[in-house]
mmCIF file of all heavy atoms, coordinates in Angstrom:
data_MODEL
# 
_entry.id   MODEL 
# 
loop_
_atom_site.group_PDB 
_atom_site.id 
_atom_site.type_symbol 
_atom_site.label_atom_id 
_atom_site.label_alt_id 
_atom_site.label_comp_id 
_atom_site.label_asym_id 
_atom_site.label_entity_id 
_atom_site.label_seq_id 
_atom_site.pdbx_PDB_ins_code 
_atom_site.Cartn_x 
_atom_site.Cartn_y 
_atom_site.Cartn_z 
_atom_site.occupancy 
_atom_site.B_iso_or_equiv 
_atom_site.pdbx_formal_charge 
_atom_site.auth_seq_id 
_atom_site.auth_comp_id 
_atom_site.auth_asym_id 
_atom_site.auth_atom_id 
_atom_site.pdbx_PDB_model_num 
ATOM 1   N N   . GLY A 1 1  ? -20.649 -3.662 26.570  1.00 0.00 ? 1  GLY A N   1 
ATOM 2   C CA  . GLY A 1 1  ? -20.325 -3.964 25.178  1.00 0.00 ? 1  GLY A CA  1 
ATOM 3   C C   . GLY A 1 1  ? -20.052 -2.686 24.404  1.00 0.00 ? 1  GLY A C   1 
ATOM 4   O O   . GLY A 1 1  ? -20.705 -1.677 24.611  1.00 0.00 ? 1  GLY A O   1 
ATOM 5   N N   . THR A 1 2  ? -19.072 -2.733 23.573  1.00 0.00 ? 2  THR A N   1 
ATOM 6   C CA  . THR A 1 2  ? -18.745 -1.597 22.710  1.00 0.00 ? 2  THR A CA  1 
ATOM 7   C C   . THR A 1 2  ? -18.828 -2.060 21.266  1.00 0.00 ? 2  THR A C   1 
ATOM 8   O O   . THR A 1 2  ? -18.148 -3.017 20.890  1.00 0.00 ? 2  THR A O   1 
ATOM 9   C CB  . THR A 1 2  ? -17.312 -1.087 23.000  1.00 0.00 ? 2  THR A CB  1 
ATOM 10  O OG1 . THR A 1 2  ? -17.217 -0.740 24.367  1.00 0.00 ? 2  THR A OG1 1 
ATOM 11  C CG2 . THR A 1 2  ? -16.980 0.105  22.132  1.00 0.00 ? 2  THR A CG2 1 
ATOM 12  N N   . PRO A 1 3  ? -19.658 -1.400 20.470  1.00 0.00 ? 3  PRO A N   1 
ATOM 13  C CA  . PRO A 1 3  ? -19.741 -1.814 19.066  1.00 0.00 ? 3  PRO A CA  1 
ATOM 14  C C   . PRO A 1 3  ? -18.420 -1.562 18.349  1.00 0.00 ? 3  PRO A C   1 
ATOM 15  O O   . PRO A 1 3  ? -17.764 -0.547 18.585  1.00 0.00 ? 3  PRO A O   1 
ATOM 16  C CB  . PRO A 1 3  ? -20.863 -0.950 18.492  1.00 0.00 ? 3  PRO A CB  1 
ATOM 17  C CG  . PRO A 1 3  ? -21.074 0.145  19.467  1.00 0.00 ? 3  PRO A CG  1 
ATOM 18  C CD  . PRO A 1 3  ? -20.512 -0.281 20.781  1.00 0.00 ? 3  PRO A CD  1 
ATOM 19  N N   . ILE A 1 4  ? -18.044 -2.485 17.513  1.00 0.00 ? 4  ILE A N   1 
ATOM 20  C CA  . ILE A 1 4  ? -16.805 -2.366 16.749  1.00 0.00 ? 4  ILE A CA  1 
ATOM 21  C C   . ILE A 1 4  ? -17.157 -2.456 15.272  1.00 0.00 ? 4  ILE A C   1 
ATOM 22  O O   . ILE A 1 4  ? -17.796 -3.404 14.829  1.00 0.00 ? 4  ILE A O   1 
ATOM 23  C CB  . ILE A 1 4  ? -15.812 -3.482 17.123  1.00 0.00 ? 4  ILE A CB  1 
ATOM 24  C CG1 . ILE A 1 4  ? -15.407 -3.342 18.582  1.00 0.00 ? 4  ILE A CG1 1 
ATOM 25  C CG2 . ILE A 1 4  ? -14.595 -3.450 16.208  1.00 0.00 ? 4  ILE A CG2 1 
ATOM 26  C CD1 . ILE A 1 4  ? -14.537 -4.460 19.092  1.00 0.00 ? 4  ILE A CD1 1 
ATOM 27  N N   . ALA A 1 5  ? -16.744 -1.448 14.529  1.00 0.00 ? 5  ALA A N   1 
ATOM 28  C CA  . ALA A 1 5  ? -16.952 -1.454 13.079  1.00 0.00 ? 5  ALA A CA  1 
ATOM 29  C C   . ALA A 1 5  ? -15.711 -2.036 12.422  1.00 0.00 ? 5  ALA A C   1 
ATOM 30  O O   . ALA A 1 5  ? -14.591 -1.688 12.777  1.00 0.00 ? 5  ALA A O   1 
ATOM 31  C CB  . ALA A 1 5  ? -17.203 -0.039 12.581  1.00 0.00 ? 5  ALA A CB  1 
ATOM 32  N N   . GLU A 1 6  ? -15.931 -2.943 11.494  1.00 0.00 ? 6  GLU A N   1 
ATOM 33  C CA  . GLU A 1 6  ? -14.828 -3.548 10.745  1.00 0.00 ? 6  GLU A CA  1 
ATOM 34  C C   . GLU A 1 6  ? -15.142 -3.388 9.268   1.00 0.00 ? 6  GLU A C   1 
ATOM 35  O O   . GLU A 1 6  ? -16.307 -3.344 8.877   1.00 0.00 ? 6  GLU A O   1 
ATOM 36  C CB  . GLU A 1 6  ? -14.696 -5.029 11.088  1.00 0.00 ? 6  GLU A CB  1 
ATOM 37  C CG  . GLU A 1 6  ? -14.404 -5.257 12.553  1.00 0.00 ? 6  GLU A CG  1 
ATOM 38  C CD  . GLU A 1 6  ? -14.660 -6.682 12.977  1.00 0.00 ? 6  GLU A CD  1 
ATOM 39  O OE1 . GLU A 1 6  ? -15.759 -7.193 12.689  1.00 0.00 ? 6  GLU A OE1 1 
ATOM 40  O OE2 . GLU A 1 6  ? -13.772 -7.266 13.578  1.00 0.00 ? 6  GLU A OE2 1 
ATOM 41  N N   . TYR A 1 7  ? -14.112 -3.300 8.477   1.00 0.00 ? 7  TYR A N   1 
ATOM 42  C CA  . TYR A 1 7  ? -14.293 -3.135 7.032   1.00 0.00 ? 7  TYR A CA  1 
ATOM 43  C C   . TYR A 1 7  ? -13.316 -4.024 6.297   1.00 0.00 ? 7  TYR A C   1 
ATOM 44  O O   . TYR A 1 7  ? -12.109 -3.889 6.441   1.00 0.00 ? 7  TYR A O   1 
ATOM 45  C CB  . TYR A 1 7  ? -14.090 -1.675 6.633   1.00 0.00 ? 7  TYR A CB  1 
ATOM 46  C CG  . TYR A 1 7  ? -14.085 -1.466 5.142   1.00 0.00 ? 7  TYR A CG  1 
ATOM 47  C CD1 . TYR A 1 7  ? -15.239 -1.673 4.392   1.00 0.00 ? 7  TYR A CD1 1 
ATOM 48  C CD2 . TYR A 1 7  ? -12.927 -1.088 4.480   1.00 0.00 ? 7  TYR A CD2 1 
ATOM 49  C CE1 . TYR A 1 7  ? -15.233 -1.503 3.011   1.00 0.00 ? 7  TYR A CE1 1 
ATOM 50  C CE2 . TYR A 1 7  ? -12.913 -0.916 3.108   1.00 0.00 ? 7  TYR A CE2 1 
ATOM 51  C CZ  . TYR A 1 7  ? -14.069 -1.120 2.386   1.00 0.00 ? 7  TYR A CZ  1 
ATOM 52  O OH  . TYR A 1 7  ? -14.063 -0.964 1.035   1.00 0.00 ? 7  TYR A OH  1 
ATOM 53  N N   . VAL A 1 8  ? -13.849 -4.957 5.507   1.00 0.00 ? 8  VAL A N   1 
ATOM 54  C CA  . VAL A 1 8  ? -13.034 -5.840 4.671   1.00 0.00 ? 8  VAL A CA  1 
ATOM 55  C C   . VAL A 1 8  ? -13.097 -5.283 3.249   1.00 0.00 ? 8  VAL A C   1 
ATOM 56  O O   . VAL A 1 8  ? -14.155 -5.311 2.627   1.00 0.00 ? 8  VAL A O   1 
ATOM 57  C CB  . VAL A 1 8  ? -13.566 -7.288 4.679   1.00 0.00 ? 8  VAL A CB  1 
ATOM 58  C CG1 . VAL A 1 8  ? -12.690 -8.188 3.819   1.00 0.00 ? 8  VAL A CG1 1 
ATOM 59  C CG2 . VAL A 1 8  ? -13.657 -7.821 6.097   1.00 0.00 ? 8  VAL A CG2 1 
ATOM 60  N N   . PRO A 1 9  ? -11.991 -4.779 2.729   1.00 0.00 ? 9  PRO A N   1 
ATOM 61  C CA  . PRO A 1 9  ? -12.039 -4.149 1.405   1.00 0.00 ? 9  PRO A CA  1 
ATOM 62  C C   . PRO A 1 9  ? -12.104 -5.162 0.262   1.00 0.00 ? 9  PRO A C   1 
ATOM 63  O O   . PRO A 1 9  ? -11.572 -6.252 0.366   1.00 0.00 ? 9  PRO A O   1 
ATOM 64  C CB  . PRO A 1 9  ? -10.715 -3.378 1.345   1.00 0.00 ? 9  PRO A CB  1 
ATOM 65  C CG  . PRO A 1 9  ? -9.790  -4.179 2.208   1.00 0.00 ? 9  PRO A CG  1 
ATOM 66  C CD  . PRO A 1 9  ? -10.658 -4.714 3.312   1.00 0.00 ? 9  PRO A CD  1 
ATOM 67  N N   . ASP A 1 10 ? -12.768 -4.760 -0.799  1.00 0.00 ? 10 ASP A N   1 
ATOM 68  C CA  . ASP A 1 10 ? -12.759 -5.533 -2.040  1.00 0.00 ? 10 ASP A CA  1 
ATOM 69  C C   . ASP A 1 10 ? -11.699 -4.988 -2.986  1.00 0.00 ? 10 ASP A C   1 
ATOM 70  O O   . ASP A 1 10 ? -11.247 -5.689 -3.886  1.00 0.00 ? 10 ASP A O   1 
ATOM 71  C CB  . ASP A 1 10 ? -14.127 -5.480 -2.723  1.00 0.00 ? 10 ASP A CB  1 
ATOM 72  C CG  . ASP A 1 10 ? -15.172 -6.238 -1.937  1.00 0.00 ? 10 ASP A CG  1 
ATOM 73  O OD1 . ASP A 1 10 ? -14.840 -7.303 -1.374  1.00 0.00 ? 10 ASP A OD1 1 
ATOM 74  O OD2 . ASP A 1 10 ? -16.320 -5.772 -1.875  1.00 0.00 ? 10 ASP A OD2 1 
ATOM 75  N N   . GLN A 1 11 ? -11.362 -3.729 -2.795  1.00 0.00 ? 11 GLN A N   1 
ATOM 76  C CA  . GLN A 1 11 ? -10.310 -3.116 -3.594  1.00 0.00 ? 11 GLN A CA  1 
ATOM 77  C C   . GLN A 1 11 ? -9.704  -1.971 -2.785  1.00 0.00 ? 11 GLN A C   1 
ATOM 78  O O   . GLN A 1 11 ? -10.309 -1.483 -1.838  1.00 0.00 ? 11 GLN A O   1 
ATOM 79  C CB  . GLN A 1 11 ? -10.847 -2.597 -4.929  1.00 0.00 ? 11 GLN A CB  1 
ATOM 80  C CG  . GLN A 1 11 ? -11.868 -1.466 -4.814  1.00 0.00 ? 11 GLN A CG  1 
ATOM 81  C CD  . GLN A 1 11 ? -12.439 -1.085 -6.155  1.00 0.00 ? 11 GLN A CD  1 
ATOM 82  O OE1 . GLN A 1 11 ? -13.118 -1.885 -6.776  1.00 0.00 ? 11 GLN A OE1 1 
ATOM 83  N NE2 . GLN A 1 11 ? -12.146 0.131  -6.604  1.00 0.00 ? 11 GLN A NE2 1 
ATOM 84  N N   . LEU A 1 12 ? -8.489  -1.601 -3.127  1.00 0.00 ? 12 LEU A N   1 
ATOM 85  C CA  . LEU A 1 12 ? -7.801  -0.502 -2.475  1.00 0.00 ? 12 LEU A CA  1 
ATOM 86  C C   . LEU A 1 12 ? -7.561  0.645  -3.445  1.00 0.00 ? 12 LEU A C   1 
ATOM 87  O O   . LEU A 1 12 ? -7.169  1.736  -3.028  1.00 0.00 ? 12 LEU A O   1 
ATOM 88  C CB  . LEU A 1 12 ? -6.453  -0.976 -1.915  1.00 0.00 ? 12 LEU A CB  1 
ATOM 89  C CG  . LEU A 1 12 ? -6.503  -2.120 -0.916  1.00 0.00 ? 12 LEU A CG  1 
ATOM 90  C CD1 . LEU A 1 12 ? -5.095  -2.560 -0.542  1.00 0.00 ? 12 LEU A CD1 1 
ATOM 91  C CD2 . LEU A 1 12 ? -7.292  -1.721 0.318   1.00 0.00 ? 12 LEU A CD2 1 
ATOM 92  N N   . VAL A 1 13 ? -7.766  0.392  -4.728  1.00 0.00 ? 13 VAL A N   1 
ATOM 93  C CA  . VAL A 1 13 ? -7.422  1.343  -5.777  1.00 0.00 ? 13 VAL A CA  1 
ATOM 94  C C   . VAL A 1 13 ? -8.579  1.483  -6.754  1.00 0.00 ? 13 VAL A C   1 
ATOM 95  O O   . VAL A 1 13 ? -9.246  0.506  -7.089  1.00 0.00 ? 13 VAL A O   1 
ATOM 96  C CB  . VAL A 1 13 ? -6.159  0.864  -6.529  1.00 0.00 ? 13 VAL A CB  1 
ATOM 97  C CG1 . VAL A 1 13 ? -5.881  1.703  -7.752  1.00 0.00 ? 13 VAL A CG1 1 
ATOM 98  C CG2 . VAL A 1 13 ? -4.962  0.858  -5.597  1.00 0.00 ? 13 VAL A CG2 1 
ATOM 99  N N   . ASN A 1 14 ? -8.775  2.717  -7.200  1.00 0.00 ? 14 ASN A N   1 
ATOM 100 C CA  . ASN A 1 14 ? -9.720  3.002  -8.277  1.00 0.00 ? 14 ASN A CA  1 
ATOM 101 C C   . ASN A 1 14 ? -9.072  4.070  -9.145  1.00 0.00 ? 14 ASN A C   1 
ATOM 102 O O   . ASN A 1 14 ? -9.033  5.240  -8.770  1.00 0.00 ? 14 ASN A O   1 
ATOM 103 C CB  . ASN A 1 14 ? -11.054 3.476  -7.717  1.00 0.00 ? 14 ASN A CB  1 
ATOM 104 C CG  . ASN A 1 14 ? -12.105 3.638  -8.795  1.00 0.00 ? 14 ASN A CG  1 
ATOM 105 O OD1 . ASN A 1 14 ? -11.824 3.477  -9.977  1.00 0.00 ? 14 ASN A OD1 1 
ATOM 106 N ND2 . ASN A 1 14 ? -13.312 3.954  -8.374  1.00 0.00 ? 14 ASN A ND2 1 
ATOM 107 N N   . GLY A 1 15 ? -8.525  3.639  -10.266 1.00 0.00 ? 15 GLY A N   1 
ATOM 108 C CA  . GLY A 1 15 ? -7.831  4.571  -11.149 1.00 0.00 ? 15 GLY A CA  1 
ATOM 109 C C   . GLY A 1 15 ? -6.601  5.166  -10.485 1.00 0.00 ? 15 GLY A C   1 
ATOM 110 O O   . GLY A 1 15 ? -5.696  4.459  -10.091 1.00 0.00 ? 15 GLY A O   1 
ATOM 111 N N   . ARG A 1 16 ? -6.602  6.492  -10.320 1.00 0.00 ? 16 ARG A N   1 
ATOM 112 C CA  . ARG A 1 16 ? -5.467  7.190  -9.710  1.00 0.00 ? 16 ARG A CA  1 
ATOM 113 C C   . ARG A 1 16 ? -5.687  7.456  -8.224  1.00 0.00 ? 16 ARG A C   1 
ATOM 114 O O   . ARG A 1 16 ? -4.963  8.249  -7.626  1.00 0.00 ? 16 ARG A O   1 
ATOM 115 C CB  . ARG A 1 16 ? -5.219  8.501  -10.448 1.00 0.00 ? 16 ARG A CB  1 
ATOM 116 C CG  . ARG A 1 16 ? -4.758  8.284  -11.879 1.00 0.00 ? 16 ARG A CG  1 
ATOM 117 C CD  . ARG A 1 16 ? -4.696  9.569  -12.661 1.00 0.00 ? 16 ARG A CD  1 
ATOM 118 N NE  . ARG A 1 16 ? -4.141  10.672 -11.891 1.00 0.00 ? 16 ARG A NE  1 
ATOM 119 C CZ  . ARG A 1 16 ? -3.074  11.372 -12.232 1.00 0.00 ? 16 ARG A CZ  1 
ATOM 120 N NH1 . ARG A 1 16 ? -2.446  11.089 -13.346 1.00 0.00 ? 16 ARG A NH1 1 
ATOM 121 N NH2 . ARG A 1 16 ? -2.654  12.356 -11.480 1.00 0.00 ? 16 ARG A NH2 1 
ATOM 122 N N   . LEU A 1 17 ? -6.663  6.823  -7.630  1.00 0.00 ? 17 LEU A N   1 
ATOM 123 C CA  . LEU A 1 17 ? -6.980  7.001  -6.216  1.00 0.00 ? 17 LEU A CA  1 
ATOM 124 C C   . LEU A 1 17 ? -6.667  5.715  -5.465  1.00 0.00 ? 17 LEU A C   1 
ATOM 125 O O   . LEU A 1 17 ? -7.089  4.636  -5.874  1.00 0.00 ? 17 LEU A O   1 
ATOM 126 C CB  . LEU A 1 17 ? -8.471  7.334  -6.056  1.00 0.00 ? 17 LEU A CB  1 
ATOM 127 C CG  . LEU A 1 17 ? -8.998  7.418  -4.630  1.00 0.00 ? 17 LEU A CG  1 
ATOM 128 C CD1 . LEU A 1 17 ? -8.414  8.636  -3.925  1.00 0.00 ? 17 LEU A CD1 1 
ATOM 129 C CD2 . LEU A 1 17 ? -10.504 7.480  -4.632  1.00 0.00 ? 17 LEU A CD2 1 
ATOM 130 N N   . ALA A 1 18 ? -5.927  5.848  -4.367  1.00 0.00 ? 18 ALA A N   1 
ATOM 131 C CA  . ALA A 1 18 ? -5.610  4.686  -3.530  1.00 0.00 ? 18 ALA A CA  1 
ATOM 132 C C   . ALA A 1 18 ? -5.939  4.999  -2.086  1.00 0.00 ? 18 ALA A C   1 
ATOM 133 O O   . ALA A 1 18 ? -5.715  6.112  -1.609  1.00 0.00 ? 18 ALA A O   1 
ATOM 134 C CB  . ALA A 1 18 ? -4.137  4.322  -3.656  1.00 0.00 ? 18 ALA A CB  1 
ATOM 135 N N   . LEU A 1 19 ? -6.481  4.034  -1.393  1.00 0.00 ? 19 LEU A N   1 
ATOM 136 C CA  . LEU A 1 19 ? -6.727  4.157  0.036   1.00 0.00 ? 19 LEU A CA  1 
ATOM 137 C C   . LEU A 1 19 ? -5.668  3.362  0.783   1.00 0.00 ? 19 LEU A C   1 
ATOM 138 O O   . LEU A 1 19 ? -5.296  2.267  0.368   1.00 0.00 ? 19 LEU A O   1 
ATOM 139 C CB  . LEU A 1 19 ? -8.119  3.627  0.382   1.00 0.00 ? 19 LEU A CB  1 
ATOM 140 C CG  . LEU A 1 19 ? -9.291  4.387  -0.217  1.00 0.00 ? 19 LEU A CG  1 
ATOM 141 C CD1 . LEU A 1 19 ? -10.598 3.676  0.112   1.00 0.00 ? 19 LEU A CD1 1 
ATOM 142 C CD2 . LEU A 1 19 ? -9.330  5.820  0.286   1.00 0.00 ? 19 LEU A CD2 1 
ATOM 143 N N   . VAL A 1 20 ? -5.205  3.920  1.882   1.00 0.00 ? 20 VAL A N   1 
ATOM 144 C CA  . VAL A 1 20 ? -4.223  3.242  2.726   1.00 0.00 ? 20 VAL A CA  1 
ATOM 145 C C   . VAL A 1 20 ? -4.658  3.354  4.184   1.00 0.00 ? 20 VAL A C   1 
ATOM 146 O O   . VAL A 1 20 ? -5.458  4.200  4.550   1.00 0.00 ? 20 VAL A O   1 
ATOM 147 C CB  . VAL A 1 20 ? -2.797  3.835  2.556   1.00 0.00 ? 20 VAL A CB  1 
ATOM 148 C CG1 . VAL A 1 20 ? -2.297  3.679  1.141   1.00 0.00 ? 20 VAL A CG1 1 
ATOM 149 C CG2 . VAL A 1 20 ? -2.759  5.285  2.980   1.00 0.00 ? 20 VAL A CG2 1 
ATOM 150 N N   . GLY A 1 21 ? -4.116  2.504  5.006   1.00 0.00 ? 21 GLY A N   1 
ATOM 151 C CA  . GLY A 1 21 ? -4.375  2.572  6.442   1.00 0.00 ? 21 GLY A CA  1 
ATOM 152 C C   . GLY A 1 21 ? -5.828  2.349  6.790   1.00 0.00 ? 21 GLY A C   1 
ATOM 153 O O   . GLY A 1 21 ? -6.530  1.581  6.139   1.00 0.00 ? 21 GLY A O   1 
ATOM 154 N N   . ASP A 1 22 ? -6.300  3.044  7.832   1.00 0.00 ? 22 ASP A N   1 
ATOM 155 C CA  . ASP A 1 22 ? -7.671  2.851  8.304   1.00 0.00 ? 22 ASP A CA  1 
ATOM 156 C C   . ASP A 1 22 ? -8.716  3.244  7.273   1.00 0.00 ? 22 ASP A C   1 
ATOM 157 O O   . ASP A 1 22 ? -9.843  2.793  7.337   1.00 0.00 ? 22 ASP A O   1 
ATOM 158 C CB  . ASP A 1 22 ? -7.915  3.636  9.589   1.00 0.00 ? 22 ASP A CB  1 
ATOM 159 C CG  . ASP A 1 22 ? -7.272  2.993  10.808  1.00 0.00 ? 22 ASP A CG  1 
ATOM 160 O OD1 . ASP A 1 22 ? -6.812  1.840  10.697  1.00 0.00 ? 22 ASP A OD1 1 
ATOM 161 O OD2 . ASP A 1 22 ? -7.230  3.644  11.870  1.00 0.00 ? 22 ASP A OD2 1 
ATOM 162 N N   . ALA A 1 23 ? -8.357  4.086  6.333   1.00 0.00 ? 23 ALA A N   1 
ATOM 163 C CA  . ALA A 1 23 ? -9.303  4.427  5.265   1.00 0.00 ? 23 ALA A CA  1 
ATOM 164 C C   . ALA A 1 23 ? -9.527  3.241  4.339   1.00 0.00 ? 23 ALA A C   1 
ATOM 165 O O   . ALA A 1 23 ? -10.578 3.113  3.729   1.00 0.00 ? 23 ALA A O   1 
ATOM 166 C CB  . ALA A 1 23 ? -8.788  5.621  4.461   1.00 0.00 ? 23 ALA A CB  1 
ATOM 167 N N   . ALA A 1 24 ? -8.545  2.362  4.257   1.00 0.00 ? 24 ALA A N   1 
ATOM 168 C CA  . ALA A 1 24 ? -8.605  1.233  3.326   1.00 0.00 ? 24 ALA A CA  1 
ATOM 169 C C   . ALA A 1 24 ? -9.120  -0.043 3.965   1.00 0.00 ? 24 ALA A C   1 
ATOM 170 O O   . ALA A 1 24 ? -9.745  -0.868 3.301   1.00 0.00 ? 24 ALA A O   1 
ATOM 171 C CB  . ALA A 1 24 ? -7.219  0.975  2.734   1.00 0.00 ? 24 ALA A CB  1 
ATOM 172 N N   . HIS A 1 25 ? -8.845  -0.212 5.221   1.00 0.00 ? 25 HIS A N   1 
ATOM 173 C CA  . HIS A 1 25 ? -9.224  -1.443 5.918   1.00 0.00 ? 25 HIS A CA  1 
ATOM 174 C C   . HIS A 1 25 ? -9.323  -1.153 7.401   1.00 0.00 ? 25 HIS A C   1 
ATOM 175 O O   . HIS A 1 25 ? -8.467  -0.515 7.977   1.00 0.00 ? 25 HIS A O   1 
ATOM 176 C CB  . HIS A 1 25 ? -8.192  -2.550 5.672   1.00 0.00 ? 25 HIS A CB  1 
ATOM 177 C CG  . HIS A 1 25 ? -6.776  -2.065 5.750   1.00 0.00 ? 25 HIS A CG  1 
ATOM 178 N ND1 . HIS A 1 25 ? -6.097  -1.871 6.926   1.00 0.00 ? 25 HIS A ND1 1 
ATOM 179 C CD2 . HIS A 1 25 ? -5.920  -1.704 4.769   1.00 0.00 ? 25 HIS A CD2 1 
ATOM 180 C CE1 . HIS A 1 25 ? -4.875  -1.435 6.674   1.00 0.00 ? 25 HIS A CE1 1 
ATOM 181 N NE2 . HIS A 1 25 ? -4.743  -1.313 5.365   1.00 0.00 ? 25 HIS A NE2 1 
ATOM 182 N N   . VAL A 1 26 ? -10.403 -1.592 8.013   1.00 0.00 ? 26 VAL A N   1 
ATOM 183 C CA  . VAL A 1 26 ? -10.617 -1.320 9.431   1.00 0.00 ? 26 VAL A CA  1 
ATOM 184 C C   . VAL A 1 26 ? -10.740 -2.646 10.171  1.00 0.00 ? 26 VAL A C   1 
ATOM 185 O O   . VAL A 1 26 ? -11.781 -3.285 10.142  1.00 0.00 ? 26 VAL A O   1 
ATOM 186 C CB  . VAL A 1 26 ? -11.885 -0.463 9.656   1.00 0.00 ? 26 VAL A CB  1 
ATOM 187 C CG1 . VAL A 1 26 ? -12.073 -0.167 11.142  1.00 0.00 ? 26 VAL A CG1 1 
ATOM 188 C CG2 . VAL A 1 26 ? -11.800 0.834  8.866   1.00 0.00 ? 26 VAL A CG2 1 
ATOM 189 N N   . PRO A 1 27 ? -9.652  -3.081 10.819  1.00 0.00 ? 27 PRO A N   1 
ATOM 190 C CA  . PRO A 1 27 ? -9.728  -4.315 11.609  1.00 0.00 ? 27 PRO A CA  1 
ATOM 191 C C   . PRO A 1 27 ? -10.227 -4.009 13.019  1.00 0.00 ? 27 PRO A C   1 
ATOM 192 O O   . PRO A 1 27 ? -10.182 -2.870 13.480  1.00 0.00 ? 27 PRO A O   1 
ATOM 193 C CB  . PRO A 1 27 ? -8.273  -4.776 11.658  1.00 0.00 ? 27 PRO A CB  1 
ATOM 194 C CG  . PRO A 1 27 ? -7.495  -3.494 11.659  1.00 0.00 ? 27 PRO A CG  1 
ATOM 195 C CD  . PRO A 1 27 ? -8.295  -2.552 10.777  1.00 0.00 ? 27 PRO A CD  1 
# 
């Protein structure tokens, strides 16, 4: 077994900062 981390974002933007790609969502 290999642990898999997943991240479901609630937001991608905070003011002038935006996350994209694996920083924003980890399937």
